[in-house]
Amino acid sequence: METVNYFQKFLKEERYTQSFNSAPIFLNHSAQSGFVIKEILGFGYNGFCFNYKEGYGEMDYLVSDFKMIWRIIKNKLAQDPDYLIKTKKQYEEIFNEHEKLFEKIAVLKLREIKNEELFDLFKKCAKAQIDSVGLGHLVDSISIELEKEFRKKLFDEIEEKKEFNKYFVQLTVPSKPSFIAKEENELLKISLLSSSERKENLKEHLKKYFWIQNSYAGPKKLTINSLEQRLRFFRETKKKQKNKIIRVAPKVKIKLSKEVKKMVETIDFTTIWQDERKRNALKTIGYWGKIIDEIGRRLSMPSHFIYYLGVSDVEKINFLKDIGSLRKNLERRIKGVFFLLKEDREIKITGALYQKLIKIRKKITESATEKQKEIHGTIANNGTAIGRVIICKDINSLDKVRAGDILVTSMTRPEFMPALKKATAIVTDEGGITSHAAIVARELGIPAIIGTKIATKVLKDGMVVEVRANHGVIKIIG
């Protein structure tokens, strides 16, 4: 009962929830960086709560952590304007050390190495997963808290208040393309080559980006065939959009104070850093996944069972056989598990207590009603669209999305890209101006409203809605 009280106390705090396909071994280790950074920077996060069930997860941050971290960072920046630049350099130096490990795994014949070496690689990948987010874990706090201040300052400064949304969107467009856009551009260049050249270049592309469709739920195998399918999809999409009129918004011409200009620079810096962080996390999952697959083979255990190891499990085990001894616990966790991750402990709840906590969590977080006809959120990209709602809670639900649909989700991830290309607009519960949904919406040129908090709770599959991104409003019309 004391354990339930720990969770209940956390759940009653003001929380920021992210929901997506995920598994404990990958996401919990990434979150662990929130504590590890304290050793380097002297400050970090105080706790996280996770709810996992059959490949889908919800991660809760404490809003108080966001505010505390942003307050410290602002003070640091006041003393040293280059504080974030120096911190990012530290992040890159730490993570780049793991590249040597990845190079080793890439050429190893894993089936031929001894158990001891395989287990050593497993432990090293756990550290790499923590460092893939690492000092970059600061970005979440900066993104959420800085956005609030930036919106207020910008609104106060501009004379044409009705043009606020246009200015807000254009000033927060990243100065560099995302890693998803870079990969796609490289693939498009390959499509222009002769068939013989294309074959060799696709092999190199696969070697370079084998991890591109991974998620916190685990690695997803990329093949030459899947790359060729994407090339066909690009060509078909290009033909359909050939006569489409693309309206480009005029460049922003506005005088800004030094303070607001600095905010714009910081937003751009953290957006780019967040994208690099995601790339590193997915890449690490790709290599760690190879190790986990081989461990599963040797233990005659499905790999996705091992995905349900927590941080404390990985820390405590000393041999491969220790993972095998946890099989029953791991199988139980797949059906539903809560993790409370604190700096000094990791608490896990399954079974009847898990079901009890689900009811408590639902009661605490219940805020939406079926009667709502309008939903409000933050504008990520301007525009208006009317379409059929498709709620995407996991990767499997992405197959439901057809051309012209409104994709509604808790938050988008890189693995959502095929569905996002079909959507006519994006709506999310969570995310700020540096989020994946915001970046992709701008790159694809489609309307997007983020941070609604309640869209996936109020909207249902098949509803017809109007997304008025210029005003940050989603209106139910049928």
Protein backbone atom coordinates (compact mmCIF):
# COMPACT_ATOMS: atom_id res chain seq x y z
CA MET A 1 0.00 0.00 0.00
CA GLU A 2 2.94 2.31 0.73
CA THR A 3 4.11 1.79 -2.87
CA VAL A 4 0.71 2.83 -4.25
CA ASN A 5 0.87 5.94 -2.07
CA TYR A 6 4.20 6.88 -3.67
CA PHE A 7 2.57 6.78 -7.11
CA GLN A 8 -0.59 8.50 -5.94
CA LYS A 9 1.40 11.38 -4.49
CA PHE A 10 3.30 11.80 -7.79
CA LEU A 11 0.13 11.61 -9.89
CA LYS A 12 -1.53 14.37 -7.84
CA GLU A 13 1.27 16.76 -8.80
CA GLU A 14 0.91 18.95 -11.89
CA ARG A 15 2.31 16.76 -14.68
CA TYR A 16 3.33 17.00 -18.31
CA THR A 17 2.46 13.74 -20.09
CA GLN A 18 3.99 12.30 -23.25
CA SER A 19 2.40 9.22 -24.84
CA PHE A 20 3.91 7.08 -27.59
CA ASN A 21 5.07 3.58 -28.53
CA SER A 22 7.76 2.77 -26.00
CA ALA A 23 9.30 0.13 -23.75
CA PRO A 24 10.99 0.51 -20.34
CA ILE A 25 14.53 -0.52 -21.27
CA PHE A 26 14.83 2.25 -23.87
CA LEU A 27 12.70 5.03 -22.40
CA ASN A 28 13.59 4.58 -18.73
CA HIS A 29 17.30 4.67 -19.51
CA SER A 30 16.80 7.80 -21.60
CA ALA A 31 14.94 9.38 -18.68
CA GLN A 32 17.68 8.31 -16.26
CA SER A 33 19.83 11.00 -17.85
CA GLY A 34 17.67 13.50 -15.96
CA PHE A 35 19.41 12.37 -12.76
CA VAL A 36 22.86 11.72 -14.27
CA ILE A 37 23.16 15.33 -15.48
CA LYS A 38 23.13 16.47 -11.83
CA GLU A 39 26.61 14.99 -11.45
CA ILE A 40 27.85 17.20 -14.31
CA LEU A 41 25.74 20.34 -14.05
CA GLY A 42 24.66 20.31 -10.42
CA PHE A 43 20.94 20.29 -11.24
CA GLY A 44 18.43 18.04 -12.97
CA TYR A 45 15.06 16.30 -12.63
CA ASN A 46 13.50 14.89 -9.44
CA GLY A 47 11.34 12.10 -10.84
CA PHE A 48 9.40 10.49 -13.68
CA CYS A 49 6.39 8.19 -13.83
CA PHE A 50 5.78 5.66 -16.62
CA ASN A 51 2.79 3.55 -17.57
CA TYR A 52 3.50 0.77 -20.10
CA LYS A 53 1.20 -1.77 -21.67
CA GLU A 54 1.94 -3.99 -24.67
CA GLY A 55 4.34 -1.66 -26.44
CA TYR A 56 2.62 1.63 -25.63
CA GLY A 57 3.68 3.99 -22.87
CA GLU A 58 2.93 7.23 -21.07
CA MET A 59 5.70 9.28 -19.46
CA ASP A 60 4.96 11.93 -16.84
CA TYR A 61 7.27 14.83 -16.05
CA LEU A 62 6.75 17.10 -13.06
CA VAL A 63 5.88 20.63 -14.20
CA SER A 64 7.73 21.90 -11.13
CA ASP A 65 10.92 20.32 -12.55
CA PHE A 66 10.48 22.21 -15.83
CA LYS A 67 10.08 25.51 -14.00
CA MET A 68 13.00 24.89 -11.65
CA ILE A 69 15.40 23.86 -14.42
CA TRP A 70 14.45 26.78 -16.67
CA ARG A 71 14.92 29.22 -13.78
CA ILE A 72 18.45 27.87 -13.19
CA ILE A 73 19.30 27.95 -16.91
CA LYS A 74 18.14 31.57 -17.20
CA ASN A 75 20.46 32.52 -14.33
CA LYS A 76 23.31 30.61 -15.99
CA LEU A 77 22.70 32.42 -19.30
CA ALA A 78 22.66 35.78 -17.53
CA GLN A 79 26.15 35.01 -16.20
CA ASP A 80 27.41 33.37 -19.39
CA PRO A 81 25.51 33.88 -22.69
CA ASP A 82 27.37 30.87 -24.15
CA TYR A 83 26.27 28.50 -21.37
CA LEU A 84 24.02 26.38 -23.61
CA ILE A 85 26.58 26.27 -26.43
CA LYS A 86 29.22 24.97 -24.01
CA THR A 87 26.77 22.49 -22.49
CA LYS A 88 25.84 21.14 -25.92
CA LYS A 89 29.52 20.71 -26.72
CA GLN A 90 29.90 18.65 -23.53
CA TYR A 91 26.88 16.58 -24.59
CA GLU A 92 28.42 15.87 -28.00
CA GLU A 93 31.83 14.96 -26.54
CA ILE A 94 30.21 12.48 -24.12
CA PHE A 95 28.00 10.82 -26.72
CA ASN A 96 30.69 10.70 -29.41
CA GLU A 97 32.67 8.33 -27.19
CA HIS A 98 29.94 5.73 -27.79
CA GLU A 99 30.48 5.89 -31.56
CA LYS A 100 33.51 3.61 -31.06
CA LEU A 101 31.21 1.07 -29.42
CA PHE A 102 28.77 1.28 -32.35
CA GLU A 103 31.59 0.77 -34.87
CA LYS A 104 32.62 -2.36 -32.98
CA ILE A 105 29.07 -3.78 -32.87
CA ALA A 106 28.58 -3.04 -36.58
CA VAL A 107 31.39 -5.40 -37.64
CA LEU A 108 31.10 -8.04 -34.92
CA LYS A 109 29.65 -11.47 -35.64
CA LEU A 110 27.51 -11.47 -32.52
CA ARG A 111 26.68 -15.18 -32.70
CA GLU A 112 30.36 -16.01 -32.37
CA ILE A 113 31.32 -13.95 -29.32
CA LYS A 114 31.34 -15.28 -25.75
CA ASN A 115 28.55 -14.61 -23.25
CA GLU A 116 30.84 -12.40 -21.19
CA GLU A 117 31.62 -10.11 -24.14
CA LEU A 118 27.97 -9.98 -25.19
CA PHE A 119 26.93 -9.03 -21.67
CA ASP A 120 29.63 -6.33 -21.54
CA LEU A 121 28.27 -4.84 -24.77
CA PHE A 122 24.76 -4.95 -23.29
CA LYS A 123 25.88 -2.89 -20.27
CA LYS A 124 27.80 -0.42 -22.42
CA CYS A 125 24.74 0.12 -24.63
CA ALA A 126 22.70 0.90 -21.51
CA LYS A 127 25.15 3.71 -20.72
CA ALA A 128 25.02 4.88 -24.34
CA GLN A 129 21.20 5.07 -24.15
CA ILE A 130 21.43 7.31 -21.08
CA ASP A 131 24.01 9.55 -22.77
CA SER A 132 22.07 9.71 -26.06
CA VAL A 133 19.68 12.04 -24.23
CA GLY A 134 22.22 13.07 -21.60
CA LEU A 135 22.72 16.79 -21.08
CA GLY A 136 20.21 17.30 -23.88
CA HIS A 137 17.50 16.46 -21.35
CA LEU A 138 17.57 20.18 -20.51
CA VAL A 139 15.88 20.89 -23.84
CA ASP A 140 12.46 19.70 -22.63
CA SER A 141 12.38 22.27 -19.84
CA ILE A 142 13.68 25.07 -22.08
CA SER A 143 11.18 24.28 -24.84
CA ILE A 144 8.11 24.31 -22.59
CA GLU A 145 8.98 27.24 -20.35
CA LEU A 146 10.69 29.50 -22.90
CA GLU A 147 7.73 29.18 -25.26
CA LYS A 148 5.43 30.70 -22.62
CA GLU A 149 7.71 33.68 -22.07
CA PHE A 150 8.38 34.15 -25.78
CA ARG A 151 4.68 34.23 -26.67
CA LYS A 152 4.00 36.94 -24.07
CA LYS A 153 7.04 39.08 -24.98
CA LEU A 154 6.36 38.85 -28.72
CA PHE A 155 2.69 39.76 -28.28
CA ASP A 156 3.61 42.77 -26.15
CA GLU A 157 6.13 44.03 -28.73
CA ILE A 158 4.25 43.73 -32.01
CA GLU A 159 1.90 46.50 -33.07
CA GLU A 160 -0.23 44.36 -35.41
CA LYS A 161 -1.74 42.03 -32.81
CA LYS A 162 -3.85 40.23 -35.42
CA GLU A 163 -0.61 39.17 -37.17
CA PHE A 164 0.78 37.58 -34.00
CA ASN A 165 0.29 33.96 -35.12
CA LYS A 166 2.03 34.57 -38.43
CA TYR A 167 5.01 36.13 -36.69
CA PHE A 168 5.09 33.44 -34.01
CA VAL A 169 5.22 30.59 -36.53
CA GLN A 170 7.79 32.15 -38.85
CA LEU A 171 10.11 33.22 -36.03
CA THR A 172 10.20 29.68 -34.63
CA VAL A 173 10.98 27.85 -37.91
CA PRO A 174 14.32 26.01 -37.41
CA SER A 175 17.31 27.28 -39.39
CA LYS A 176 18.41 23.72 -40.21
CA PRO A 177 16.47 20.76 -41.65
CA SER A 178 15.64 17.83 -39.34
CA PHE A 179 17.51 14.53 -39.61
CA ILE A 180 14.31 13.07 -41.11
CA ALA A 181 14.38 15.70 -43.87
CA LYS A 182 18.10 15.15 -44.49
CA GLU A 183 17.61 11.40 -44.86
CA GLU A 184 14.69 11.90 -47.20
CA ASN A 185 16.61 14.38 -49.38
CA GLU A 186 19.49 11.92 -49.67
CA LEU A 187 17.07 9.19 -50.66
CA LEU A 188 15.45 11.42 -53.28
CA LYS A 189 18.87 12.10 -54.82
CA ILE A 190 19.41 8.35 -55.10
CA SER A 191 16.11 8.07 -57.01
CA LEU A 192 17.62 10.21 -59.79
CA LEU A 193 20.49 7.79 -60.39
CA SER A 194 20.62 5.00 -62.97
CA SER A 195 19.32 1.60 -61.82
CA SER A 196 22.85 0.16 -61.39
CA GLU A 197 24.07 3.16 -59.39
CA ARG A 198 20.87 3.27 -57.39
CA LYS A 199 21.32 -0.28 -56.12
CA GLU A 200 24.79 0.39 -54.65
CA ASN A 201 23.76 3.75 -53.21
CA LEU A 202 20.72 2.22 -51.53
CA LYS A 203 23.01 -0.26 -49.78
CA GLU A 204 25.13 2.59 -48.44
CA HIS A 205 22.01 4.51 -47.46
CA LEU A 206 20.72 1.49 -45.55
CA LYS A 207 24.04 1.12 -43.75
CA LYS A 208 23.99 4.80 -42.76
CA TYR A 209 20.32 5.04 -41.75
CA PHE A 210 19.35 1.50 -40.67
CA TRP A 211 18.01 3.04 -37.43
CA ILE A 212 15.81 5.77 -38.98
CA GLN A 213 12.46 4.01 -38.29
CA ASN A 214 13.32 2.97 -34.73
CA SER A 215 11.29 4.20 -31.78
CA TYR A 216 11.39 3.99 -27.99
CA ALA A 217 9.39 0.77 -28.46
CA GLY A 218 12.47 -0.81 -30.03
CA PRO A 219 14.27 -1.18 -33.36
CA LYS A 220 12.43 -1.61 -36.63
CA LYS A 221 14.27 -3.39 -39.41
CA LEU A 222 14.88 -1.30 -42.51
CA THR A 223 15.49 -3.14 -45.79
CA ILE A 224 16.37 -2.35 -49.39
CA ASN A 225 12.79 -3.27 -50.31
CA SER A 226 11.34 -0.80 -47.80
CA LEU A 227 13.62 1.93 -49.17
CA GLU A 228 12.48 1.18 -52.72
CA GLN A 229 8.83 1.33 -51.56
CA ARG A 230 9.50 4.78 -50.10
CA LEU A 231 11.04 5.90 -53.39
CA ARG A 232 7.89 4.81 -55.22
CA PHE A 233 5.77 6.62 -52.64
CA PHE A 234 7.80 9.83 -53.12
CA ARG A 235 7.34 9.67 -56.90
CA GLU A 236 3.58 9.08 -56.62
CA THR A 237 3.19 11.89 -54.08
CA LYS A 238 5.15 14.26 -56.30
CA LYS A 239 2.88 13.49 -59.28
CA LYS A 240 -0.28 14.12 -57.23
CA GLN A 241 1.06 17.42 -55.90
CA LYS A 242 2.36 18.65 -59.26
CA ASN A 243 -0.53 21.08 -59.81
CA LYS A 244 -1.02 21.96 -56.16
CA ILE A 245 -0.71 25.68 -55.40
CA ILE A 246 1.67 26.27 -52.52
CA ARG A 247 1.18 29.60 -50.78
CA VAL A 248 4.34 30.79 -49.12
CA ALA A 249 3.81 33.24 -46.28
CA PRO A 250 5.66 36.56 -46.66
CA LYS A 251 8.89 36.98 -44.73
CA VAL A 252 8.52 38.57 -41.35
CA LYS A 253 9.45 42.25 -41.31
CA ILE A 254 9.35 43.35 -37.72
CA LYS A 255 11.59 45.19 -35.28
CA LEU A 256 12.36 43.10 -32.24
CA SER A 257 14.07 43.95 -28.99
CA LYS A 258 17.42 42.35 -28.14
CA GLU A 259 15.67 40.23 -25.52
CA VAL A 260 13.17 38.76 -28.00
CA LYS A 261 15.89 38.24 -30.63
CA LYS A 262 17.85 36.27 -28.07
CA MET A 263 14.77 34.17 -27.32
CA VAL A 264 14.41 33.39 -31.03
CA GLU A 265 18.07 32.32 -31.17
CA THR A 266 17.65 30.10 -28.09
CA ILE A 267 14.51 28.48 -29.51
CA ASP A 268 16.33 27.73 -32.76
CA PHE A 269 19.36 26.36 -30.90
CA THR A 270 17.30 24.04 -28.69
CA THR A 271 15.12 22.87 -31.59
CA ILE A 272 18.21 21.74 -33.49
CA TRP A 273 19.68 20.15 -30.35
CA GLN A 274 16.45 18.27 -29.67
CA ASP A 275 16.52 16.88 -33.20
CA GLU A 276 20.14 15.73 -32.80
CA ARG A 277 19.26 14.16 -29.46
CA LYS A 278 16.45 12.15 -31.04
CA ARG A 279 18.76 10.98 -33.82
CA ASN A 280 21.30 9.78 -31.26
CA ALA A 281 18.64 8.00 -29.18
CA LEU A 282 17.23 6.12 -32.20
CA LYS A 283 20.71 5.22 -33.39
CA THR A 284 21.59 3.80 -29.96
CA ILE A 285 18.36 1.79 -29.90
CA GLY A 286 19.42 0.29 -33.22
CA TYR A 287 22.73 -1.03 -31.89
CA TRP A 288 21.40 -2.03 -28.47
CA GLY A 289 18.58 -3.85 -30.25
CA LYS A 290 21.12 -6.03 -32.08
CA ILE A 291 22.67 -7.03 -28.74
CA ILE A 292 19.27 -7.71 -27.17
CA ASP A 293 18.23 -9.88 -30.13
CA GLU A 294 21.30 -12.07 -29.66
CA ILE A 295 20.72 -12.31 -25.91
CA GLY A 296 17.12 -13.34 -26.57
CA ARG A 297 18.29 -16.00 -29.01
CA ARG A 298 20.74 -17.48 -26.47
CA LEU A 299 18.17 -17.44 -23.67
CA SER A 300 15.35 -18.72 -25.94
CA MET A 301 13.42 -15.61 -24.89
CA PRO A 302 11.53 -13.19 -27.19
CA SER A 303 13.42 -9.90 -27.49
CA HIS A 304 10.39 -7.84 -26.49
CA PHE A 305 10.41 -9.55 -23.07
CA ILE A 306 13.87 -8.08 -22.47
CA TYR A 307 12.52 -4.65 -23.49
CA TYR A 308 10.63 -4.64 -20.16
CA LEU A 309 13.77 -4.50 -18.02
CA GLY A 310 13.99 -1.32 -15.94
CA VAL A 311 17.06 0.72 -15.09
CA SER A 312 17.48 -0.95 -11.69
CA ASP A 313 17.17 -4.41 -13.31
CA VAL A 314 20.00 -3.66 -15.73
CA GLU A 315 22.14 -2.25 -12.91
CA LYS A 316 21.68 -5.34 -10.71
CA ILE A 317 22.18 -8.15 -13.22
CA ASN A 318 25.73 -9.51 -13.56
CA PHE A 319 25.35 -12.34 -16.06
CA LEU A 320 23.15 -13.23 -19.05
CA LYS A 321 21.45 -15.94 -17.01
CA ASP A 322 20.21 -13.23 -14.59
CA ILE A 323 18.04 -11.87 -17.42
CA GLY A 324 16.60 -15.34 -17.96
CA SER A 325 15.65 -15.60 -14.28
CA LEU A 326 13.46 -12.48 -14.68
CA ARG A 327 11.40 -13.99 -17.51
CA LYS A 328 8.13 -14.39 -15.56
CA ASN A 329 8.33 -10.85 -14.17
CA LEU A 330 9.02 -9.42 -17.62
CA GLU A 331 6.12 -11.32 -19.18
CA ARG A 332 3.84 -9.95 -16.45
CA ARG A 333 5.02 -6.39 -17.10
CA ILE A 334 4.05 -6.56 -20.77
CA LYS A 335 0.40 -6.79 -19.69
CA GLY A 336 0.77 -3.57 -17.71
CA VAL A 337 3.37 -1.96 -15.48
CA PHE A 338 3.90 1.34 -13.71
CA PHE A 339 7.42 2.59 -13.05
CA LEU A 340 8.21 5.45 -10.67
CA LEU A 341 11.75 6.57 -11.38
CA LYS A 342 13.41 8.57 -8.61
CA GLU A 343 17.06 9.47 -8.17
CA ASP A 344 17.57 6.83 -5.50
CA ARG A 345 15.14 4.12 -6.59
CA GLU A 346 12.95 2.64 -9.32
CA ILE A 347 9.59 1.31 -8.11
CA LYS A 348 7.56 -1.12 -10.24
CA ILE A 349 3.89 -2.13 -9.96
CA THR A 350 2.07 -4.87 -11.91
CA GLY A 351 -1.01 -7.08 -11.50
CA ALA A 352 -3.94 -6.01 -9.28
CA LEU A 353 -2.10 -2.95 -7.93
CA TYR A 354 -1.44 -1.83 -11.51
CA GLN A 355 -5.18 -1.99 -12.29
CA LYS A 356 -5.90 0.00 -9.13
CA LEU A 357 -3.44 2.71 -10.14
CA ILE A 358 -4.93 2.87 -13.65
CA LYS A 359 -8.28 3.80 -12.11
CA ILE A 360 -6.66 6.36 -9.81
CA ARG A 361 -4.73 7.91 -12.70
CA LYS A 362 -7.82 8.09 -14.90
CA LYS A 363 -9.79 9.81 -12.15
CA ILE A 364 -7.03 12.34 -11.50
CA THR A 365 -6.43 13.18 -15.18
CA GLU A 366 -10.08 13.22 -16.28
CA SER A 367 -10.77 16.73 -17.54
CA ALA A 368 -12.38 16.45 -20.96
CA THR A 369 -16.08 16.01 -21.75
CA GLU A 370 -17.90 14.78 -24.83
CA LYS A 371 -19.85 18.05 -24.96
CA GLN A 372 -16.89 20.17 -26.04
CA LYS A 373 -17.20 21.49 -29.57
CA GLU A 374 -13.95 23.43 -29.71
CA ILE A 375 -10.41 22.56 -28.66
CA HIS A 376 -7.64 25.10 -28.28
CA GLY A 377 -3.88 24.70 -28.58
CA THR A 378 -0.60 26.26 -29.71
CA ILE A 379 -0.06 27.05 -33.38
CA ALA A 380 2.83 25.06 -34.86
CA ASN A 381 2.13 25.94 -38.50
CA ASN A 382 -0.52 28.17 -40.07
CA GLY A 383 -3.33 27.12 -42.37
CA THR A 384 -6.85 25.72 -42.37
CA ALA A 385 -8.02 22.18 -43.11
CA ILE A 386 -11.22 20.16 -42.88
CA GLY A 387 -11.07 16.41 -42.67
CA ARG A 388 -11.86 13.13 -41.00
CA VAL A 389 -10.25 12.53 -37.60
CA ILE A 390 -7.97 9.54 -37.15
CA ILE A 391 -6.69 8.98 -33.61
CA CYS A 392 -3.18 7.50 -33.71
CA LYS A 393 -2.17 6.06 -30.35
CA ASP A 394 0.39 3.57 -31.64
CA ILE A 395 2.27 2.55 -34.77
CA ASN A 396 -0.41 0.06 -35.83
CA SER A 397 -3.08 2.78 -35.91
CA LEU A 398 -1.07 4.73 -38.51
CA ASP A 399 -2.33 2.33 -41.18
CA LYS A 400 -5.82 3.86 -40.77
CA VAL A 401 -4.67 7.27 -42.06
CA ARG A 402 -5.76 8.08 -45.61
CA ALA A 403 -4.98 11.10 -47.78
CA GLY A 404 -6.82 14.16 -46.48
CA ASP A 405 -7.32 12.90 -42.90
CA ILE A 406 -6.61 14.93 -39.76
CA LEU A 407 -4.01 13.01 -37.75
CA VAL A 408 -4.65 13.36 -34.01
CA THR A 409 -2.18 11.95 -31.50
CA SER A 410 -0.59 12.56 -28.13
CA MET A 411 2.65 13.50 -29.86
CA THR A 412 4.24 12.55 -33.18
CA ARG A 413 7.48 10.60 -33.55
CA PRO A 414 9.79 9.95 -36.54
CA GLU A 415 8.07 6.62 -37.21
CA PHE A 416 4.85 8.58 -37.94
CA MET A 417 6.28 10.08 -41.14
CA PRO A 418 4.49 7.88 -43.73
CA ALA A 419 1.12 8.75 -42.16
CA LEU A 420 2.00 12.43 -41.68
CA LYS A 421 2.67 12.72 -45.40
CA LYS A 422 -0.93 11.66 -46.08
CA ALA A 423 -2.49 13.92 -43.44
CA THR A 424 -3.93 17.31 -44.27
CA ALA A 425 -3.35 18.60 -40.71
CA ILE A 426 -1.79 17.55 -37.39
CA VAL A 427 -3.27 17.90 -33.90
CA THR A 428 -1.44 16.80 -30.74
CA ASP A 429 -2.09 16.69 -26.99
CA GLU A 430 1.48 17.56 -26.07
CA GLY A 431 4.56 19.23 -27.46
CA GLY A 432 6.01 22.71 -27.78
CA ILE A 433 7.49 24.76 -30.59
CA THR A 434 10.60 22.56 -30.69
CA SER A 435 8.58 19.33 -30.87
CA HIS A 436 8.72 16.82 -33.72
CA ALA A 437 5.16 17.72 -34.79
CA ALA A 438 6.02 21.41 -35.05
CA ILE A 439 9.17 20.77 -37.09
CA VAL A 440 7.53 18.28 -39.45
CA ALA A 441 4.41 20.42 -39.99
CA ARG A 442 6.59 23.27 -41.19
CA GLU A 443 8.67 21.00 -43.42
CA LEU A 444 5.55 19.43 -44.94
CA GLY A 445 3.69 22.75 -45.11
CA ILE A 446 0.51 21.54 -43.39
CA PRO A 447 -1.56 23.15 -40.60
CA ALA A 448 -0.73 21.98 -37.09
CA ILE A 449 -2.02 22.71 -33.60
CA ILE A 450 -0.07 21.25 -30.69
CA GLY A 451 -0.33 21.11 -26.91
CA THR A 452 -4.14 20.85 -26.78
CA LYS A 453 -3.93 18.51 -23.75
CA ILE A 454 -7.29 16.90 -24.56
CA ALA A 455 -7.58 16.27 -28.32
CA THR A 456 -7.21 12.48 -28.12
CA LYS A 457 -9.77 12.37 -25.28
CA VAL A 458 -12.44 14.56 -26.89
CA LEU A 459 -12.10 13.62 -30.56
CA LYS A 460 -13.05 10.20 -31.96
CA ASP A 461 -12.20 8.33 -35.15
CA GLY A 462 -14.42 9.42 -38.03
CA MET A 463 -15.42 12.82 -36.62
CA VAL A 464 -15.18 15.68 -39.11
CA VAL A 465 -13.29 18.69 -37.78
CA GLU A 466 -12.02 22.01 -39.02
CA VAL A 467 -8.45 22.80 -37.98
CA ARG A 468 -8.07 26.56 -37.88
CA ALA A 469 -4.35 26.65 -37.24
CA ASN A 470 -4.17 30.43 -37.73
CA HIS A 471 -6.26 30.75 -34.56
CA GLY A 472 -5.15 27.64 -32.67
CA VAL A 473 -8.67 26.17 -32.74
CA ILE A 474 -10.08 22.76 -33.72
CA LYS A 475 -13.84 22.88 -34.30
CA ILE A 476 -16.01 19.75 -34.38
CA ILE A 477 -18.41 20.09 -37.31
CA GLY A 478 -19.74 16.56 -37.74
